[in-house]
Amino acid sequence: MTEIYADHAATTFPRPPEVVAAISDYLLQIGCNPGRGGYRRSLEAARLVYEARLFLAALFNVPRPEQVIFTPSVTYALNLLLKGLLRAGDHVLISSMEHNAVVRPLARLTGERGINVEILACRQDGTLDPLQVKRALRSNTRLVALTHASNVTGTILPVCEVGELLAGSGVLYAIDAAQTAGSERLDFMALNCDYLAFTGHKGLLGPPGIGGLVLSERAAELTLPLVEGGTGSRSEEEEQPSFLPDKFESGTQNIPGIAGLAAGIRLVASSGEISIARQKQELTGAFLEGLAALPGVIVYGTGDPQKMTAVVSLNIAGVDSGDLSFILEQCFSIMTRSGLHCAPLAHRTIGTFPQGTLRFSFGFGNTLADVRHILGALREIIREKQQIPE
């Protein structure tokens, strides 16, 4: 039986051959550290990293490629900005759809530094009124941090509108683009944000272990590095360099990951985010339409493919989401994710805490035939359940 992978919100699979080839090529043909030597292979590694930075700057419309910082993950990027920026007495606004990558660092900073975190309640479908942000601003508000799209429901938050509201206010603005980088158009300048955190292993089609952070000039100046050490520059000085990207990039980088990410970005750029978004909307729309015809299925979120990413969370009445995920994999070779998806705030918002949901997420390589197969499997499971006496 052919396997169907429907967990792209966790990580993309399979990786495109171009990505695998780029990683292999670096390891076999270059294999050396950038910025640590004047020999040919080191210079080739440095060129590879710089080209990847250029690709990302072009993709996200960033003024200078040096403003793109490579990190081991989007979680690392979010920790960097939160722990590097916030100080005692700061007020922070987040939504009730945020991932634990934002919630947990803020919980620690609340206890250790005395920051004040205010959670803006989203509607049950995961949407947020941007005026809530405006009404909640205080004189000591330091940061507004919002996910671009929920990893539970796919709901897209009004990040553009919030950016317009905050422009000129002095409040810094961070966007978690873990679910949208490579799948939705991201214009750093048009978003009016100071931080754009992204991962490489989802919509950008790269390997695990590589992500990044885009910083505005003022954010770069106000944020302290999370890690200090060797950068290959200013080695005679004991203090960390203050210029970008060295301020935030210490130690040996994940060059194989950067090579794979660069290949993934080239694929995304050649297809175009708009085209990718339309293809995923088509899959999501067909899936939602099919689910509406199945008895006992509860779908969470907006239900509108144009207002969400290709992420659909559901429950079937009387069936545990974990059991359902197991049955789909064991009997139908369909891979999904069940549970709380590292976002308990979101589940409280949509009313699925603590049981969680079964999540389907479509991406690179999925087809309408996959959607039809999944719907057929769910139909069969529901039919079997209805035949079992209570």
Protein backbone atom coordinates (compact mmCIF):
# COMPACT_ATOMS: atom_id res chain seq x y z
CA MET A 1 0.00 0.00 0.00
CA THR A 2 1.33 3.44 -0.94
CA GLU A 3 2.21 5.65 2.03
CA ILE A 4 0.58 9.07 2.32
CA TYR A 5 2.38 11.65 4.40
CA ALA A 6 0.02 14.28 5.83
CA ASP A 7 2.13 15.87 8.56
CA HIS A 8 3.88 18.69 6.73
CA ALA A 9 3.12 21.11 9.57
CA ALA A 10 5.68 19.12 11.57
CA THR A 11 8.26 18.75 8.80
CA THR A 12 8.24 18.30 5.05
CA PHE A 13 8.71 14.81 3.63
CA PRO A 14 10.06 13.52 1.38
CA ARG A 15 12.76 16.10 0.74
CA PRO A 16 13.15 17.10 -2.90
CA PRO A 17 16.09 15.39 -4.66
CA GLU A 18 17.69 18.80 -5.22
CA VAL A 19 17.88 19.35 -1.46
CA VAL A 20 19.44 15.96 -0.81
CA ALA A 21 21.93 16.53 -3.63
CA ALA A 22 22.94 19.94 -2.28
CA ILE A 23 23.67 18.50 1.16
CA SER A 24 25.65 15.64 -0.34
CA ASP A 25 27.57 17.98 -2.63
CA TYR A 26 28.66 20.17 0.28
CA LEU A 27 29.79 17.18 2.35
CA LEU A 28 31.65 15.54 -0.52
CA GLN A 29 32.99 18.51 -2.47
CA ILE A 30 33.48 21.31 0.11
CA GLY A 31 33.21 19.97 3.65
CA CYS A 32 35.00 22.88 5.36
CA ASN A 33 34.17 25.77 7.68
CA PRO A 34 33.50 29.25 6.26
CA GLY A 35 35.43 32.19 7.63
CA ARG A 36 38.08 30.05 9.32
CA GLY A 37 40.63 29.81 6.54
CA GLY A 38 41.88 31.44 3.38
CA TYR A 39 42.05 28.24 1.36
CA ARG A 40 39.73 27.45 -1.53
CA ARG A 41 37.32 25.09 0.22
CA SER A 42 36.78 27.49 3.13
CA LEU A 43 36.07 30.30 0.68
CA GLU A 44 33.61 28.08 -1.19
CA ALA A 45 31.82 27.35 2.08
CA ALA A 46 31.63 31.07 2.84
CA ARG A 47 30.24 31.73 -0.62
CA LEU A 48 27.60 29.02 -0.11
CA VAL A 49 26.44 30.60 3.18
CA TYR A 50 26.37 34.08 1.69
CA GLU A 51 24.34 32.93 -1.32
CA ALA A 52 21.79 31.30 0.99
CA ARG A 53 21.56 34.59 2.89
CA LEU A 54 21.01 36.42 -0.40
CA PHE A 55 18.27 33.96 -1.42
CA LEU A 56 16.41 34.48 1.86
CA ALA A 57 16.80 38.26 1.72
CA ALA A 58 15.28 38.25 -1.77
CA LEU A 59 12.49 35.85 -0.79
CA PHE A 60 11.49 37.89 2.29
CA ASN A 61 12.31 41.35 0.86
CA VAL A 62 14.97 42.15 3.45
CA PRO A 63 17.05 45.30 2.78
CA ARG A 64 20.44 43.74 3.59
CA PRO A 65 21.36 40.05 3.55
CA GLU A 66 23.35 40.54 6.77
CA GLN A 67 20.01 41.02 8.55
CA VAL A 68 19.28 37.32 7.96
CA ILE A 69 20.68 35.27 10.85
CA PHE A 70 20.99 31.48 10.68
CA THR A 71 19.93 29.51 13.77
CA PRO A 72 19.47 25.79 14.53
CA SER A 73 15.67 26.15 14.45
CA VAL A 74 12.79 28.60 14.63
CA THR A 75 12.52 27.76 18.35
CA TYR A 76 16.11 28.91 18.83
CA ALA A 77 15.35 32.08 16.86
CA LEU A 78 12.34 32.87 19.07
CA ASN A 79 14.36 32.22 22.23
CA LEU A 80 17.10 34.48 20.90
CA LEU A 81 14.81 37.43 20.34
CA LEU A 82 12.78 37.01 23.54
CA LYS A 83 15.73 36.45 25.88
CA GLY A 84 17.94 38.94 24.09
CA LEU A 85 15.41 41.77 24.15
CA LEU A 86 13.15 41.62 27.20
CA ARG A 87 14.04 43.21 30.55
CA ALA A 88 12.42 43.59 33.96
CA GLY A 89 9.14 45.48 33.82
CA ASP A 90 8.54 44.96 30.10
CA HIS A 91 4.98 44.26 28.94
CA VAL A 92 4.53 41.69 26.16
CA LEU A 93 1.43 40.93 24.10
CA ILE A 94 0.84 37.52 22.51
CA SER A 95 -2.22 35.73 21.12
CA SER A 96 -3.93 32.71 22.56
CA MET A 97 -2.89 30.68 19.49
CA GLU A 98 0.86 30.78 20.18
CA HIS A 99 3.15 27.76 20.12
CA ASN A 100 5.12 26.68 23.19
CA ALA A 101 8.24 28.01 21.45
CA VAL A 102 6.93 31.44 22.47
CA VAL A 103 4.92 30.56 25.57
CA ARG A 104 7.59 28.64 27.48
CA PRO A 105 10.46 31.15 27.13
CA LEU A 106 8.07 33.90 28.22
CA ALA A 107 6.97 31.84 31.23
CA ARG A 108 10.60 31.54 32.29
CA LEU A 109 11.26 35.23 31.74
CA THR A 110 8.19 36.10 33.78
CA GLY A 111 9.68 34.28 36.77
CA GLU A 112 13.31 35.24 36.28
CA ARG A 113 13.08 38.84 35.03
CA GLY A 114 9.64 39.97 36.09
CA ILE A 115 8.23 40.68 32.65
CA ASN A 116 4.46 40.95 32.25
CA VAL A 117 2.86 38.76 29.57
CA GLU A 118 -0.69 39.48 28.42
CA ILE A 119 -2.51 36.90 26.30
CA LEU A 120 -5.03 38.27 23.81
CA ALA A 121 -8.00 35.91 23.49
CA CYS A 122 -8.67 34.77 19.94
CA ARG A 123 -12.09 33.66 18.75
CA GLN A 124 -12.90 29.95 18.84
CA ASP A 125 -11.92 29.61 15.18
CA GLY A 126 -8.48 31.02 16.01
CA THR A 127 -8.99 34.47 14.46
CA LEU A 128 -7.90 37.67 16.20
CA ASP A 129 -9.30 41.19 16.01
CA PRO A 130 -6.25 43.44 15.42
CA LEU A 131 -7.90 46.21 17.43
CA GLN A 132 -7.41 44.02 20.50
CA VAL A 133 -3.71 44.68 20.13
CA LYS A 134 -4.23 48.43 19.93
CA ARG A 135 -6.48 48.46 23.00
CA ALA A 136 -4.03 46.39 25.04
CA LEU A 137 -0.96 48.58 24.42
CA ARG A 138 0.58 50.20 27.51
CA SER A 139 3.32 52.72 28.12
CA ASN A 140 5.68 49.85 29.01
CA THR A 141 4.71 47.53 26.13
CA ARG A 142 8.01 46.36 24.71
CA LEU A 143 7.00 43.64 22.28
CA VAL A 144 4.05 42.18 20.38
CA ALA A 145 4.69 38.59 19.27
CA LEU A 146 2.25 36.79 16.98
CA THR A 147 2.22 33.54 15.08
CA HIS A 148 1.50 34.10 11.39
CA ALA A 149 -0.58 30.93 11.22
CA SER A 150 -1.65 28.42 13.83
CA ASN A 151 -0.02 25.00 13.70
CA VAL A 152 -3.26 23.55 15.13
CA THR A 153 -6.01 25.02 12.94
CA GLY A 154 -4.06 26.69 10.14
CA THR A 155 -5.83 29.98 10.94
CA ILE A 156 -3.92 32.96 9.57
CA LEU A 157 -3.66 35.85 12.03
CA PRO A 158 -3.82 39.52 10.94
CA VAL A 159 -0.08 40.11 11.02
CA CYS A 160 -0.17 42.82 8.33
CA GLU A 161 -2.90 44.81 10.09
CA VAL A 162 -1.09 44.58 13.43
CA GLY A 163 2.12 45.78 11.79
CA GLU A 164 0.31 48.82 10.46
CA LEU A 165 -1.14 49.54 13.91
CA LEU A 166 2.28 49.34 15.56
CA ALA A 167 4.20 51.33 12.92
CA GLY A 168 5.78 54.37 14.55
CA SER A 169 4.68 53.37 18.05
CA GLY A 170 8.11 52.34 19.31
CA VAL A 171 6.81 48.87 20.21
CA LEU A 172 8.83 46.06 18.67
CA TYR A 173 6.98 43.46 16.64
CA ALA A 174 7.88 39.78 16.16
CA ILE A 175 6.24 37.30 13.77
CA ASP A 176 6.57 33.53 14.09
CA ALA A 177 6.49 32.32 10.48
CA ALA A 178 7.16 28.65 11.21
CA GLN A 179 4.01 27.58 9.35
CA THR A 180 4.09 30.10 6.51
CA ALA A 181 7.67 30.62 5.31
CA GLY A 182 7.72 29.16 1.81
CA SER A 183 3.95 28.73 1.68
CA GLU A 184 2.71 32.31 1.98
CA ARG A 185 4.15 35.56 0.67
CA LEU A 186 6.30 37.16 3.40
CA ASP A 187 7.45 40.73 2.79
CA PHE A 188 9.56 41.83 5.74
CA MET A 189 9.28 45.52 4.88
CA ALA A 190 5.54 45.48 4.18
CA LEU A 191 4.87 43.57 7.42
CA ASN A 192 6.42 46.43 9.44
CA CYS A 193 7.96 43.88 11.78
CA ASP A 194 11.25 43.89 13.67
CA TYR A 195 11.70 40.13 13.88
CA LEU A 196 10.70 37.41 11.44
CA ALA A 197 11.45 33.93 12.79
CA PHE A 198 11.38 31.05 10.32
CA THR A 199 12.30 27.40 10.01
CA GLY A 200 13.91 25.72 7.04
CA HIS A 201 12.45 22.22 7.28
CA LYS A 202 8.79 22.91 6.51
CA GLY A 203 7.55 25.15 3.68
CA LEU A 204 11.08 26.03 2.61
CA LEU A 205 11.71 22.31 1.90
CA GLY A 206 15.08 22.17 3.65
CA PRO A 207 16.47 19.62 6.12
CA PRO A 208 15.92 19.59 9.90
CA GLY A 209 18.24 21.58 12.13
CA ILE A 210 18.27 24.86 10.23
CA GLY A 211 16.19 28.00 10.75
CA GLY A 212 16.71 31.68 11.09
CA LEU A 213 15.77 35.13 12.24
CA VAL A 214 15.44 38.35 10.27
CA LEU A 215 16.05 41.48 12.35
CA SER A 216 15.37 45.13 11.66
CA GLU A 217 18.27 47.54 12.25
CA ARG A 218 16.80 48.74 15.55
CA ALA A 219 16.07 45.19 16.71
CA ALA A 220 19.65 44.14 15.93
CA GLU A 221 20.95 47.00 18.05
CA LEU A 222 18.61 46.35 21.00
CA THR A 223 18.92 42.55 21.12
CA LEU A 224 21.71 40.75 22.94
CA PRO A 225 23.13 37.50 21.53
CA LEU A 226 22.01 34.25 23.13
CA VAL A 227 25.41 32.60 22.51
CA GLU A 228 28.86 34.16 22.23
CA GLY A 229 32.10 32.71 20.92
CA GLY A 230 34.17 32.33 17.80
CA THR A 231 32.88 34.04 14.68
CA GLY A 232 36.00 34.07 12.50
CA SER A 233 36.08 37.87 12.88
CA ARG A 234 37.69 40.26 15.39
CA SER A 235 39.41 37.28 17.01
CA GLU A 236 41.77 39.61 18.89
CA GLU A 237 38.85 41.04 20.91
CA GLU A 238 37.28 39.41 23.99
CA GLU A 239 33.87 40.95 23.35
CA GLN A 240 31.41 39.63 20.81
CA PRO A 241 31.34 41.58 17.51
CA SER A 242 28.47 44.06 17.39
CA PHE A 243 27.89 43.92 13.63
CA LEU A 244 25.61 41.61 11.67
CA PRO A 245 25.51 38.70 11.16
CA ASP A 246 28.46 37.92 13.46
CA LYS A 247 26.74 39.33 16.56
CA PHE A 248 24.32 36.39 16.55
CA GLU A 249 26.28 33.63 14.76
CA SER A 250 28.92 32.05 16.99
CA GLY A 251 30.53 28.67 16.53
CA THR A 252 30.45 26.22 13.66
CA GLN A 253 27.29 26.62 11.60
CA ASN A 254 25.15 23.85 10.15
CA ILE A 255 26.58 24.27 6.66
CA PRO A 256 24.99 21.07 5.28
CA GLY A 257 21.65 22.38 6.52
CA ILE A 258 22.26 25.78 4.94
CA ALA A 259 23.20 24.11 1.65
CA GLY A 260 19.99 22.08 1.69
CA LEU A 261 17.95 25.13 2.68
CA ALA A 262 19.40 27.14 -0.22
CA ALA A 263 18.31 24.40 -2.63
CA GLY A 264 14.83 24.38 -1.10
CA ILE A 265 14.56 28.16 -1.41
CA ARG A 266 15.47 27.97 -5.09
CA LEU A 267 12.63 25.48 -5.61
CA VAL A 268 10.17 27.70 -3.74
CA ALA A 269 11.28 30.78 -5.67
CA SER A 270 10.96 28.98 -9.01
CA SER A 271 7.40 27.85 -8.18
CA GLY A 272 6.39 31.09 -6.47
CA GLU A 273 4.69 31.39 -3.08
CA ILE A 274 1.40 32.42 -4.69
CA SER A 275 1.31 29.30 -6.84
CA ILE A 276 2.26 27.13 -3.85
CA ALA A 277 -0.45 28.73 -1.71
CA ARG A 278 -3.09 28.14 -4.41
CA GLN A 279 -2.14 24.48 -4.75
CA LYS A 280 -2.39 23.97 -0.99
CA GLN A 281 -5.70 25.86 -0.90
CA GLU A 282 -7.06 23.48 -3.52
CA LEU A 283 -6.07 20.45 -1.45
CA THR A 284 -7.44 21.98 1.75
CA GLY A 285 -10.71 23.00 0.10
CA ALA A 286 -11.27 19.51 -1.30
CA PHE A 287 -10.51 17.96 2.07
CA LEU A 288 -12.87 20.29 3.96
CA GLU A 289 -15.63 19.67 1.42
CA GLY A 290 -15.24 15.92 1.82
CA LEU A 291 -15.18 16.13 5.61
CA ALA A 292 -18.48 18.03 5.61
CA ALA A 293 -20.18 14.93 4.19
CA LEU A 294 -18.88 12.60 6.91
CA PRO A 295 -21.06 12.03 9.99
CA GLY A 296 -19.65 12.77 13.43
CA VAL A 297 -16.63 14.75 12.21
CA ILE A 298 -15.87 18.00 14.06
CA VAL A 299 -13.53 20.37 12.19
CA TYR A 300 -11.83 23.28 13.96
CA GLY A 301 -10.77 26.64 12.58
CA THR A 302 -12.27 28.98 10.01
CA GLY A 303 -13.20 26.33 7.44
CA ASP A 304 -12.14 28.79 4.73
CA PRO A 305 -9.08 27.68 2.71
CA GLN A 306 -8.28 31.31 1.85
CA LYS A 307 -8.00 32.22 5.54
CA MET A 308 -5.81 29.31 6.61
CA THR A 309 -2.77 27.29 5.72
CA ALA A 310 -3.06 23.66 4.61
CA VAL A 311 -3.60 22.48 8.20
CA VAL A 312 -6.87 20.85 9.27
CA SER A 313 -7.57 19.66 12.82
CA LEU A 314 -10.54 17.43 13.55
CA ASN A 315 -12.06 14.96 15.95
CA ILE A 316 -14.54 12.17 15.33
CA ALA A 317 -17.21 11.76 17.96
CA GLY A 318 -16.49 8.78 20.18
CA VAL A 319 -12.99 8.12 18.76
CA ASP A 320 -9.77 9.10 20.54
CA SER A 321 -7.54 11.16 18.25
CA GLY A 322 -4.51 9.05 19.15
CA ASP A 323 -6.36 5.85 18.32
CA LEU A 324 -7.55 7.35 15.05
CA SER A 325 -4.01 8.36 14.05
CA PHE A 326 -2.80 4.84 14.87
CA ILE A 327 -5.54 3.19 12.79
CA LEU A 328 -4.86 5.46 9.82
CA GLU A 329 -1.17 4.56 9.84
CA GLN A 330 -1.54 0.85 10.57
CA CYS A 331 -4.47 0.10 8.28
CA PHE A 332 -4.22 2.75 5.57
CA SER A 333 -0.54 3.89 5.61
CA ILE A 334 -1.61 7.49 6.28
CA MET A 335 0.73 9.48 8.53
CA THR A 336 -0.83 12.20 10.71
CA ARG A 337 -0.28 13.78 14.12
CA SER A 338 -2.55 13.60 17.15
CA GLY A 339 -2.52 15.36 20.52
CA LEU A 340 -1.86 18.93 21.61
CA HIS A 341 0.75 19.79 18.93
CA CYS A 342 2.91 21.76 21.44
CA ALA A 343 0.24 24.47 21.56
CA PRO A 344 -2.00 24.03 24.63
CA LEU A 345 -3.11 27.68 24.54
CA ALA A 346 -4.53 27.12 21.07
CA HIS A 347 -6.40 24.01 22.19
CA ARG A 348 -7.93 25.90 25.09
CA THR A 349 -9.01 28.56 22.61
CA ILE A 350 -10.75 26.12 20.25
CA GLY A 351 -12.14 23.96 23.06
CA THR A 352 -10.08 20.79 22.59
CA PHE A 353 -7.96 20.83 25.74
CA PRO A 354 -6.78 18.42 27.09
CA GLN A 355 -7.78 15.75 24.55
CA GLY A 356 -6.28 17.51 21.53
CA THR A 357 -7.07 16.85 17.88
CA LEU A 358 -6.07 14.77 14.89
CA ARG A 359 -4.15 17.03 12.50
CA PHE A 360 -3.79 16.67 8.74
CA SER A 361 -1.36 19.00 6.98
CA PHE A 362 -0.64 19.00 3.27
CA GLY A 363 2.45 20.15 1.44
CA PHE A 364 5.03 19.44 -1.21
CA GLY A 365 4.12 16.27 -3.09
CA ASN A 366 0.54 15.83 -1.86
CA THR A 367 -2.18 15.42 -4.49
CA LEU A 368 -5.96 15.38 -4.77
CA ALA A 369 -5.68 11.60 -5.01
CA ASP A 370 -4.13 11.64 -1.52
CA VAL A 371 -7.06 13.69 -0.24
CA ARG A 372 -9.57 11.27 -1.74
CA HIS A 373 -7.75 8.31 -0.21
CA ILE A 374 -7.74 9.94 3.24
CA LEU A 375 -11.45 10.74 3.01
CA GLY A 376 -12.16 7.16 1.98
CA ALA A 377 -10.20 5.86 4.97
CA LEU A 378 -12.07 8.13 7.38
CA ARG A 379 -15.39 7.07 5.83
CA GLU A 380 -14.49 3.42 6.35
CA ILE A 381 -13.43 3.98 9.96
CA ILE A 382 -16.68 5.81 10.74
CA ARG A 383 -18.72 3.07 9.07
CA GLU A 384 -16.96 0.39 11.13
CA LYS A 385 -17.52 2.34 14.33
CA GLN A 386 -21.23 2.74 13.64
CA GLN A 387 -21.58 -1.03 13.27
CA ILE A 388 -20.08 -1.72 16.71
CA PRO A 389 -22.82 -1.86 19.37
CA GLU A 390 -22.38 0.45 22.34
